[in-house]
Protein backbone atom coordinates (compact mmCIF):
# COMPACT_ATOMS: atom_id res chain seq x y z
CA UNK A 1 -1.70 -22.63 58.20
CA UNK A 2 -1.42 -23.60 54.55
CA UNK A 3 -5.00 -22.44 53.98
CA UNK A 4 -4.22 -19.08 55.52
CA UNK A 5 -1.10 -18.72 53.33
CA UNK A 6 -3.11 -19.56 50.20
CA UNK A 7 -5.88 -17.23 51.18
CA UNK A 8 -3.43 -14.51 52.01
CA UNK A 9 -1.74 -15.01 48.63
CA UNK A 10 -5.06 -14.58 46.90
CA UNK A 11 -5.84 -11.41 48.76
CA UNK A 12 -2.49 -9.70 48.16
CA UNK A 13 -2.35 -7.91 44.87
CA UNK A 14 0.15 -9.15 42.31
CA UNK A 15 2.80 -6.62 41.25
CA UNK A 16 1.76 -4.61 38.22
CA UNK A 17 3.82 -4.96 35.07
CA UNK A 18 6.20 -2.15 34.30
CA UNK A 19 5.49 -0.28 31.04
CA UNK A 20 7.60 2.24 29.21
CA UNK A 21 6.71 5.83 29.98
CA UNK A 22 5.40 6.39 26.45
CA UNK A 23 4.91 3.32 24.28
CA UNK A 24 4.45 5.55 21.22
CA UNK A 25 7.70 7.47 21.76
CA UNK A 26 9.61 5.09 19.47
CA UNK A 27 6.83 4.90 16.83
CA UNK A 28 7.82 5.60 13.23
CA UNK A 29 5.12 8.23 12.70
CA UNK A 30 4.29 11.67 14.00
CA UNK A 31 1.03 13.50 14.31
CA UNK A 32 0.68 16.81 12.48
CA UNK A 33 0.92 19.97 14.58
CA UNK A 34 -2.40 20.80 16.31
CA UNK A 35 -2.54 24.20 14.56
CA UNK A 36 -2.86 22.46 11.18
CA UNK A 37 -5.99 20.58 12.36
CA UNK A 38 -8.02 23.74 12.96
CA UNK A 39 -9.56 23.45 9.46
CA UNK A 40 -11.26 20.22 10.57
CA UNK A 41 -13.07 22.10 13.30
CA UNK A 42 -13.88 25.13 11.22
CA UNK A 43 -15.06 23.17 8.19
CA UNK A 44 -16.25 19.61 8.99
CA UNK A 45 -15.01 16.96 6.56
CA UNK A 46 -18.30 15.78 5.11
CA UNK A 47 -19.91 19.10 4.25
CA UNK A 48 -20.50 19.92 0.61
CA UNK A 49 -18.21 22.96 0.80
CA UNK A 50 -15.23 20.65 1.44
CA UNK A 51 -15.64 18.91 -1.91
CA UNK A 52 -13.42 20.08 -4.75
CA UNK A 53 -14.74 21.22 -8.08
CA UNK A 54 -15.31 18.58 -10.69
CA UNK A 55 -12.69 18.96 -13.38
CA UNK A 56 -11.88 16.83 -16.36
CA UNK A 57 -8.65 14.88 -16.31
CA UNK A 58 -6.02 16.27 -18.65
CA UNK A 59 -5.78 14.45 -21.94
CA UNK A 60 -2.93 11.94 -22.01
CA UNK A 61 -0.12 12.77 -24.38
CA UNK A 62 1.16 9.22 -24.21
CA UNK A 63 1.21 7.13 -27.34
CA UNK A 64 -1.89 4.95 -27.72
CA UNK A 65 0.18 1.72 -27.81
CA UNK A 66 1.95 2.50 -24.55
CA UNK A 67 1.41 -0.03 -21.76
CA UNK A 68 2.02 1.35 -18.27
CA UNK A 69 2.20 -0.46 -14.93
CA UNK A 70 -0.08 1.52 -12.67
CA UNK A 71 -0.45 -0.79 -9.69
CA UNK A 72 0.98 -3.85 -7.93
CA UNK A 73 -0.77 -5.68 -5.11
CA UNK A 74 1.15 -8.41 -3.39
CA UNK A 75 -0.94 -11.38 -2.24
CA UNK A 76 -0.54 -13.05 1.13
CA UNK A 77 0.62 -16.35 -0.43
CA UNK A 78 3.29 -14.76 -2.61
CA UNK A 79 0.96 -14.22 -5.58
CA UNK A 80 -0.59 -10.91 -6.45
CA UNK A 81 -1.91 -8.81 -9.29
CA UNK A 82 -0.57 -6.04 -11.38
CA UNK A 83 -2.70 -3.37 -13.00
CA UNK A 84 -1.88 -2.19 -16.51
CA UNK A 85 -3.16 0.89 -18.31
CA UNK A 86 -3.29 0.98 -22.06
CA UNK A 87 -5.24 3.46 -24.13
CA UNK A 88 -7.10 4.69 -21.01
CA UNK A 89 -8.31 1.15 -20.13
CA UNK A 90 -7.06 -0.56 -17.00
CA UNK A 91 -6.85 -4.34 -16.82
CA UNK A 92 -5.42 -6.88 -14.34
CA UNK A 93 -2.27 -8.82 -15.07
CA UNK A 94 -1.73 -12.11 -13.24
CA UNK A 95 1.54 -14.00 -12.75
CA UNK A 96 2.17 -16.28 -15.71
CA UNK A 97 0.24 -14.10 -18.20
CA UNK A 98 1.89 -12.33 -21.14
CA UNK A 99 1.45 -8.79 -22.25
CA UNK A 100 3.32 -6.81 -24.94
CA UNK A 101 5.98 -9.52 -25.21
CA UNK A 102 6.61 -9.77 -21.46
CA UNK A 103 5.55 -12.57 -19.08
CA UNK A 104 4.75 -11.59 -15.49
CA UNK A 105 6.93 -13.64 -13.16
CA UNK A 106 6.12 -12.12 -9.76
CA UNK A 107 4.39 -9.17 -8.18
CA UNK A 108 6.56 -7.44 -5.58
CA UNK A 109 6.07 -4.40 -3.35
CA UNK A 110 6.33 -1.39 -5.61
CA UNK A 111 6.70 -3.25 -8.86
CA UNK A 112 6.88 -6.50 -10.83
CA UNK A 113 9.48 -8.97 -12.17
CA UNK A 114 9.15 -9.72 -15.89
CA UNK A 115 10.71 -12.13 -18.37
CA UNK A 116 11.19 -11.14 -21.97
CA UNK A 117 11.09 -13.34 -25.09
CA UNK A 118 14.84 -13.80 -24.98
CA UNK A 119 14.66 -14.92 -21.27
CA UNK A 120 16.00 -11.64 -19.91
CA UNK A 121 14.48 -10.70 -16.52
CA UNK A 122 13.82 -7.15 -15.44
CA UNK A 123 12.16 -5.39 -12.54
CA UNK A 124 9.63 -2.80 -13.53
CA UNK A 125 8.53 -0.25 -10.88
CA UNK A 126 4.94 1.01 -10.62
CA UNK A 127 4.45 3.98 -12.95
CA UNK A 128 6.92 2.79 -15.54
CA UNK A 129 6.12 1.95 -19.19
CA UNK A 130 6.65 -1.59 -20.39
CA UNK A 131 9.74 -1.53 -22.65
CA UNK A 132 9.35 -2.69 -26.22
CA UNK A 133 10.65 -6.19 -26.94
CA UNK A 134 12.86 -6.75 -29.92
């Protein structure tokens, strides 16, 4: 009798889990309207006609000594790297290094934390120019 009950239990299907009607309904993104995707069908992405014309970048009117934070990548262990642009040359900036009178304390999403010569700490967002130290 026990063998029959076990065998019967193995043959009967287990109940299926219950899922939400639409698991993407609460997602934080939305697809573009289908009408806006017609250009992909009419002009495939990787054809030469989809490439833009080569144009020169506009000359920068920024002072040559200006140092701008152009990127911040947060590392998985709390470290990270910042990317500085000065005189058209980009270079990495690591925590602990100094640049233009500022020491990089931490790289955070969207910016960095800096310490000045007087010990003042500031947060500098990506795209901002490093302030001059006194």
